[in-house]
Amino acid sequence: MYQEPGNILTFPVHGNRALAPACYVEEKIDANRYDLTSILQTTLLTDQLLSLFFNLMQPRIALEGYDYAHAELELLLTGGQPARHQLNYQLNLEGESLGELRLQRHYPFAAREVELLDVFIKALLYPLRNTLLYRQALRAARTDALTGVGNRADFQAGITRECKAARRHFAPLSLVAVDIDHFKRVNDTYGHPCGDEVLQAVAACLKNTARGNDLVYRYGGEEFMLLLSDTGLNDAAILAERLRQRVENHACLTEQAGELRVTISVGVAALTAGDTEASLLQRADQALYKAKQQGRNRVVLANEAV
């Protein structure tokens, strides 16, 4: 097989077809002897699995690096170093897409290496699917089923993690507390299914307005939280006002009531040297309560919540 410099070859890989031509029986036997699949099943973390696979390949086929992507799970993992020559594998198992794996090195792959990689890639499929199922289970446990944002348990883990990171790197961190105004009125007037649609619409507004590194959670009922890393109080206030305007100007489309418009009250607090996770949350909640007291549909900063 001749490859032009920098050539990229793409292969569909299916776990339910023959592994390799008969001329490579020796390699298949060798792969079975080392029981590659069993070794790869020692982890349920996708990044660890791919790193293990990459390292196990090195004695047999020299590789410089790899990229792995799974669009549905928003997963992108890399290892090693990028290189000019690439083999792309579209991974499938029993009709299920497992993403795409790209192997890279500085010089072309020989035909024998391509056939041997086909054996090893198929040994990766079942362990890879296990890690993806585990990842999906973890995501489901951290996700609010109605709105698709993080749930309260995920928020508790997130605020602890982000506070530790902010202190370690001497970086700012802000917390934004959001509550839908008069939400009980929506439920009482139009019913809980309509209220659910409003919750989904507001959550979508928050997600679409938040920046790439911002974390959005449903804290409970009609209350949401956003963790803004590397963000001081002034910048957090700007984003909070943007959120308020986005929700106010958005028409929530509901099956029962047609277009509904709601507003939100917002409290903002920035992490201080004396804050704990609990006190940061308390100050954001107090600011939110102040926004409600002042007439709703407004943003109040924690240093104003007195």
Protein backbone atom coordinates (compact mmCIF):
# COMPACT_ATOMS: atom_id res chain seq x y z
CA MET A 1 0.00 0.00 0.00
CA TYR A 2 1.40 3.40 -1.01
CA GLN A 3 0.37 6.49 0.92
CA GLU A 4 0.93 10.02 -0.26
CA PRO A 5 2.61 12.24 2.36
CA GLY A 6 0.04 13.30 4.88
CA ASN A 7 -2.56 10.89 3.56
CA ILE A 8 -5.57 10.13 5.75
CA LEU A 9 -7.18 6.71 5.39
CA THR A 10 -10.63 6.11 6.84
CA PHE A 11 -12.00 2.68 7.79
CA PRO A 12 -15.43 1.69 9.08
CA VAL A 13 -14.91 -0.79 11.91
CA HIS A 14 -17.77 -3.12 12.86
CA GLY A 15 -17.54 -5.48 15.78
CA ASN A 16 -19.74 -8.14 14.20
CA ARG A 17 -17.70 -9.01 11.08
CA ALA A 18 -14.58 -11.10 10.51
CA LEU A 19 -11.55 -9.75 12.32
CA ALA A 20 -8.87 -10.06 9.66
CA PRO A 21 -7.83 -12.05 6.57
CA ALA A 22 -6.55 -15.60 7.03
CA CYS A 23 -2.97 -14.53 6.26
CA TYR A 24 -2.92 -12.79 9.62
CA VAL A 25 -3.95 -15.75 11.76
CA GLU A 26 -0.60 -15.50 13.56
CA GLU A 27 -1.32 -11.94 14.64
CA LYS A 28 -4.83 -12.91 15.81
CA ILE A 29 -3.40 -15.72 17.89
CA ASP A 30 -0.85 -13.33 19.33
CA ALA A 31 -3.58 -10.84 20.21
CA ASN A 32 -5.57 -13.59 21.91
CA ARG A 33 -2.51 -14.79 23.83
CA TYR A 34 -2.01 -11.39 25.34
CA ASP A 35 -5.76 -11.23 25.91
CA LEU A 36 -5.91 -7.63 24.90
CA THR A 37 -9.62 -7.32 25.51
CA SER A 38 -9.29 -8.50 29.10
CA ILE A 39 -6.54 -6.00 29.75
CA LEU A 40 -8.62 -3.19 28.30
CA GLN A 41 -11.57 -4.14 30.50
CA THR A 42 -9.68 -3.14 33.63
CA THR A 43 -11.00 0.44 33.50
CA LEU A 44 -14.38 2.11 33.02
CA LEU A 45 -12.94 5.54 32.25
CA THR A 46 -12.74 6.36 28.55
CA ASP A 47 -9.61 8.50 28.80
CA GLN A 48 -7.76 5.82 30.75
CA LEU A 49 -8.90 3.14 28.31
CA LEU A 50 -7.59 5.01 25.27
CA SER A 51 -4.30 5.79 27.00
CA LEU A 52 -3.94 2.10 27.91
CA PHE A 53 -4.73 1.05 24.34
CA PHE A 54 -2.21 3.53 22.95
CA ASN A 55 0.54 2.27 25.25
CA LEU A 56 -0.24 -1.39 24.49
CA MET A 57 0.11 -0.69 20.76
CA GLN A 58 3.60 0.77 21.00
CA PRO A 59 5.62 -2.49 21.10
CA ARG A 60 3.80 -3.75 17.99
CA ILE A 61 3.04 -0.64 15.94
CA ALA A 62 4.74 2.68 16.57
CA LEU A 63 2.25 5.51 17.06
CA GLU A 64 2.81 9.19 17.82
CA GLY A 65 -0.65 10.16 19.00
CA TYR A 66 -4.39 9.69 18.85
CA ASP A 67 -7.63 11.66 18.82
CA TYR A 68 -11.00 10.27 19.85
CA ALA A 69 -14.35 12.01 19.35
CA HIS A 70 -17.93 11.11 20.23
CA ALA A 71 -20.24 13.87 19.05
CA GLU A 72 -23.38 12.75 20.91
CA LEU A 73 -21.56 12.61 24.25
CA GLU A 74 -19.63 15.83 23.45
CA LEU A 75 -16.43 13.89 24.11
CA LEU A 76 -13.04 14.79 22.65
CA LEU A 77 -9.90 13.08 23.96
CA THR A 78 -6.31 13.30 22.75
CA GLY A 79 -3.02 11.67 23.63
CA GLY A 80 0.58 11.77 22.47
CA GLN A 81 1.56 14.19 19.71
CA PRO A 82 -0.13 15.07 16.41
CA ALA A 83 1.54 13.69 13.29
CA ARG A 84 1.18 13.90 9.53
CA HIS A 85 0.01 10.39 8.63
CA GLN A 86 -3.34 9.30 10.02
CA LEU A 87 -5.69 6.36 10.10
CA ASN A 88 -9.32 7.18 10.91
CA TYR A 89 -11.58 4.48 12.35
CA GLN A 90 -15.33 4.92 12.48
CA LEU A 91 -16.17 2.64 15.38
CA ASN A 92 -19.41 0.64 15.39
CA LEU A 93 -20.63 -2.26 17.48
CA GLU A 94 -23.89 -4.10 16.81
CA GLY A 95 -25.26 -1.11 14.92
CA GLU A 96 -24.26 1.41 17.59
CA SER A 97 -21.81 4.19 16.82
CA LEU A 98 -18.97 4.35 19.33
CA GLY A 99 -17.35 7.46 17.88
CA GLU A 100 -14.26 7.98 15.77
CA LEU A 101 -10.65 7.15 16.59
CA ARG A 102 -7.72 8.67 14.70
CA LEU A 103 -4.23 7.19 15.02
CA GLN A 104 -1.24 9.28 13.95
CA ARG A 105 2.47 8.97 13.25
CA HIS A 106 5.20 10.67 11.23
CA TYR A 107 5.59 8.08 8.44
CA PRO A 108 3.11 6.00 6.39
CA PHE A 109 1.45 2.86 7.70
CA ALA A 110 2.32 -0.37 5.89
CA ALA A 111 -0.42 -2.71 4.65
CA ARG A 112 0.52 -5.34 7.25
CA GLU A 113 0.25 -2.75 10.03
CA VAL A 114 -3.18 -1.66 8.84
CA GLU A 115 -4.41 -5.26 8.94
CA LEU A 116 -2.93 -5.83 12.38
CA LEU A 117 -4.46 -2.60 13.70
CA ASP A 118 -7.83 -3.91 12.49
CA VAL A 119 -7.42 -6.80 14.94
CA PHE A 120 -6.47 -4.56 17.83
CA ILE A 121 -9.19 -1.99 17.12
CA LYS A 122 -11.83 -4.71 17.31
CA ALA A 123 -10.45 -5.80 20.67
CA LEU A 124 -11.09 -2.21 21.81
CA LEU A 125 -14.79 -2.08 20.85
CA TYR A 126 -16.46 -3.88 23.77
CA PRO A 127 -14.33 -2.22 26.48
CA LEU A 128 -14.96 1.14 24.80
CA ARG A 129 -18.71 0.61 24.79
CA ASN A 130 -18.56 -0.27 28.49
CA THR A 131 -16.79 3.01 29.29
CA LEU A 132 -19.34 4.99 27.26
CA LEU A 133 -22.26 3.30 29.03
CA TYR A 134 -20.62 4.07 32.37
CA ARG A 135 -20.11 7.67 31.30
CA GLN A 136 -23.77 7.94 30.28
CA ALA A 137 -24.87 6.49 33.63
CA LEU A 138 -22.77 9.04 35.50
CA ARG A 139 -24.15 11.84 33.39
CA ALA A 140 -27.73 10.69 34.02
CA ALA A 141 -27.09 10.67 37.78
CA ARG A 142 -25.85 14.28 37.59
CA THR A 143 -28.47 15.63 35.18
CA ASP A 144 -31.93 17.04 35.85
CA ALA A 145 -34.21 14.84 33.77
CA LEU A 146 -36.67 17.62 32.90
CA THR A 147 -34.34 20.43 31.83
CA GLY A 148 -31.09 18.65 30.88
CA VAL A 149 -28.93 20.89 33.07
CA GLY A 150 -27.01 19.69 36.12
CA ASN A 151 -29.06 18.63 39.13
CA ARG A 152 -28.67 19.59 42.78
CA ALA A 153 -26.21 16.79 43.54
CA ASP A 154 -24.08 17.91 40.59
CA PHE A 155 -24.23 21.49 41.88
CA GLN A 156 -23.00 20.44 45.33
CA ALA A 157 -20.04 18.65 43.75
CA GLY A 158 -19.46 21.56 41.37
CA ILE A 159 -19.40 24.35 43.94
CA THR A 160 -16.96 22.37 46.10
CA ARG A 161 -14.70 21.71 43.13
CA GLU A 162 -14.83 25.26 41.78
CA CYS A 163 -14.22 26.87 45.18
CA LYS A 164 -11.15 24.68 45.71
CA ALA A 165 -9.84 25.53 42.23
CA ALA A 166 -10.44 29.26 42.74
CA ARG A 167 -8.51 29.25 46.02
CA ARG A 168 -5.70 27.12 44.62
CA HIS A 169 -5.17 29.40 41.62
CA PHE A 170 -6.11 32.68 43.37
CA ALA A 171 -8.81 33.12 40.73
CA PRO A 172 -12.22 34.81 41.03
CA LEU A 173 -15.41 32.77 41.17
CA SER A 174 -19.01 33.96 41.14
CA LEU A 175 -22.33 32.29 41.86
CA VAL A 176 -25.58 33.38 40.20
CA ALA A 177 -28.90 32.34 41.77
CA VAL A 178 -31.97 32.52 39.50
CA ASP A 179 -35.64 32.12 40.39
CA ILE A 180 -38.62 32.27 38.02
CA ASP A 181 -41.03 34.98 39.13
CA HIS A 182 -44.61 33.97 39.97
CA PHE A 183 -44.00 30.41 38.84
CA LYS A 184 -46.69 29.03 41.15
CA ARG A 185 -49.18 31.15 39.26
CA VAL A 186 -48.21 29.39 36.02
CA ASN A 187 -48.76 25.97 37.58
CA ASP A 188 -52.04 26.97 39.24
CA THR A 189 -53.44 28.63 36.11
CA TYR A 190 -52.31 26.34 33.32
CA GLY A 191 -51.26 23.11 35.06
CA HIS A 192 -47.98 21.42 35.85
CA PRO A 193 -47.28 20.20 32.28
CA CYS A 194 -47.29 23.84 31.20
CA GLY A 195 -45.06 24.69 34.14
CA ASP A 196 -42.64 21.98 33.01
CA GLU A 197 -42.48 23.55 29.55
CA VAL A 198 -41.68 26.92 31.12
CA LEU A 199 -38.90 25.35 33.18
CA GLN A 200 -37.45 23.80 30.04
CA ALA A 201 -37.63 27.09 28.15
CA VAL A 202 -35.94 29.06 30.93
CA ALA A 203 -33.23 26.42 31.32
CA ALA A 204 -32.58 26.63 27.56
CA CYS A 205 -32.28 30.43 27.81
CA LEU A 206 -29.76 30.10 30.63
CA LYS A 207 -27.69 27.50 28.77
CA ASN A 208 -27.74 29.45 25.52
CA THR A 209 -26.72 32.70 27.22
CA ALA A 210 -24.05 31.23 29.49
CA ARG A 211 -20.47 31.24 28.28
CA GLY A 212 -18.51 28.11 27.38
CA ASN A 213 -17.04 27.50 30.84
CA ASP A 214 -20.11 28.50 32.84
CA LEU A 215 -21.96 25.70 34.65
CA VAL A 216 -25.76 25.68 34.81
CA TYR A 217 -27.80 23.72 37.36
CA ARG A 218 -31.40 23.30 38.42
CA TYR A 219 -31.18 23.69 42.18
CA GLY A 220 -34.78 22.74 42.88
CA GLY A 221 -38.29 23.74 41.87
CA GLU A 222 -38.05 26.91 39.80
CA GLU A 223 -34.58 27.88 41.08
CA PHE A 224 -31.39 27.60 39.04
CA MET A 225 -27.72 28.20 39.84
CA LEU A 226 -24.80 29.18 37.63
CA LEU A 227 -21.14 28.82 38.61
CA LEU A 228 -18.90 31.29 36.80
CA SER A 229 -15.22 30.42 37.05
CA ASP A 230 -12.57 33.11 36.53
CA THR A 231 -15.32 35.72 36.87
CA GLY A 232 -15.46 38.58 39.37
CA LEU A 233 -18.57 40.29 40.67
CA ASN A 234 -18.76 43.02 38.00
CA ASP A 235 -18.49 40.62 35.07
CA ALA A 236 -20.92 38.25 36.76
CA ALA A 237 -23.39 41.12 37.12
CA ILE A 238 -23.15 41.83 33.39
CA LEU A 239 -23.87 38.20 32.55
CA ALA A 240 -26.72 38.08 35.09
CA GLU A 241 -28.39 41.09 33.46
CA ARG A 242 -27.97 39.43 30.07
CA LEU A 243 -29.71 36.35 31.45
CA ARG A 244 -32.55 38.44 32.85
CA GLN A 245 -33.11 40.22 29.55
CA ARG A 246 -32.91 37.00 27.55
CA VAL A 247 -35.65 35.36 29.61
CA GLU A 248 -37.83 38.48 29.69
CA ASN A 249 -37.72 38.76 25.89
CA HIS A 250 -38.24 35.06 25.22
CA ALA A 251 -41.68 33.63 24.46
CA CYS A 252 -42.11 30.22 26.10
CA LEU A 253 -44.09 28.05 23.70
CA THR A 254 -46.50 25.81 25.63
CA GLU A 255 -49.05 23.31 24.40
CA GLN A 256 -51.75 24.36 26.86
CA ALA A 257 -51.37 28.14 26.94
CA GLY A 258 -49.58 28.98 23.72
CA GLU A 259 -46.95 31.70 24.20
CA LEU A 260 -46.15 32.58 27.79
CA ARG A 261 -43.71 35.19 28.99
CA VAL A 262 -42.05 34.99 32.38
CA THR A 263 -39.36 36.93 34.17
CA ILE A 264 -36.60 35.98 36.60
CA SER A 265 -35.09 37.45 39.72
CA VAL A 266 -31.34 37.08 40.08
CA GLY A 267 -28.88 37.23 42.96
CA VAL A 268 -25.11 37.36 42.41
CA ALA A 269 -22.26 36.71 44.86
CA ALA A 270 -18.51 36.49 44.37
CA LEU A 271 -16.25 34.24 46.43
CA THR A 272 -14.34 36.08 49.16
CA ALA A 273 -11.39 35.00 51.30
CA GLY A 274 -13.70 34.30 54.22
CA ASP A 275 -16.31 32.34 52.26
CA THR A 276 -17.15 28.69 52.57
CA GLU A 277 -19.24 26.97 49.93
CA ALA A 278 -22.23 27.33 52.26
CA SER A 279 -21.70 31.04 52.92
CA LEU A 280 -21.23 31.79 49.20
CA LEU A 281 -24.53 30.05 48.48
CA GLN A 282 -26.20 31.86 51.36
CA ARG A 283 -25.08 35.28 50.13
CA ALA A 284 -26.30 34.56 46.60
CA ASP A 285 -29.64 33.40 48.01
CA GLN A 286 -29.90 36.54 50.13
CA ALA A 287 -29.29 38.69 47.07
CA LEU A 288 -31.97 36.73 45.21
CA TYR A 289 -34.40 37.28 48.09
CA LYS A 290 -33.62 41.01 47.97
CA ALA A 291 -34.40 41.05 44.24
CA LYS A 292 -37.77 39.50 45.00
CA GLN A 293 -38.43 42.06 47.73
CA GLN A 294 -37.60 44.94 45.41
CA GLY A 295 -40.25 43.91 42.90
CA ARG A 296 -38.78 40.96 40.96
CA ASN A 297 -37.40 40.90 37.42
CA ARG A 298 -34.09 42.43 38.51
CA VAL A 299 -30.49 41.62 39.42
CA VAL A 300 -29.14 42.27 42.91
CA LEU A 301 -25.50 41.87 43.91
CA ALA A 302 -24.58 40.33 47.24
CA ASN A 303 -22.87 43.50 48.44
CA GLU A 304 -26.20 45.28 47.91
CA ALA A 305 -28.20 42.61 49.76
CA VAL A 306 -28.21 44.29 53.16
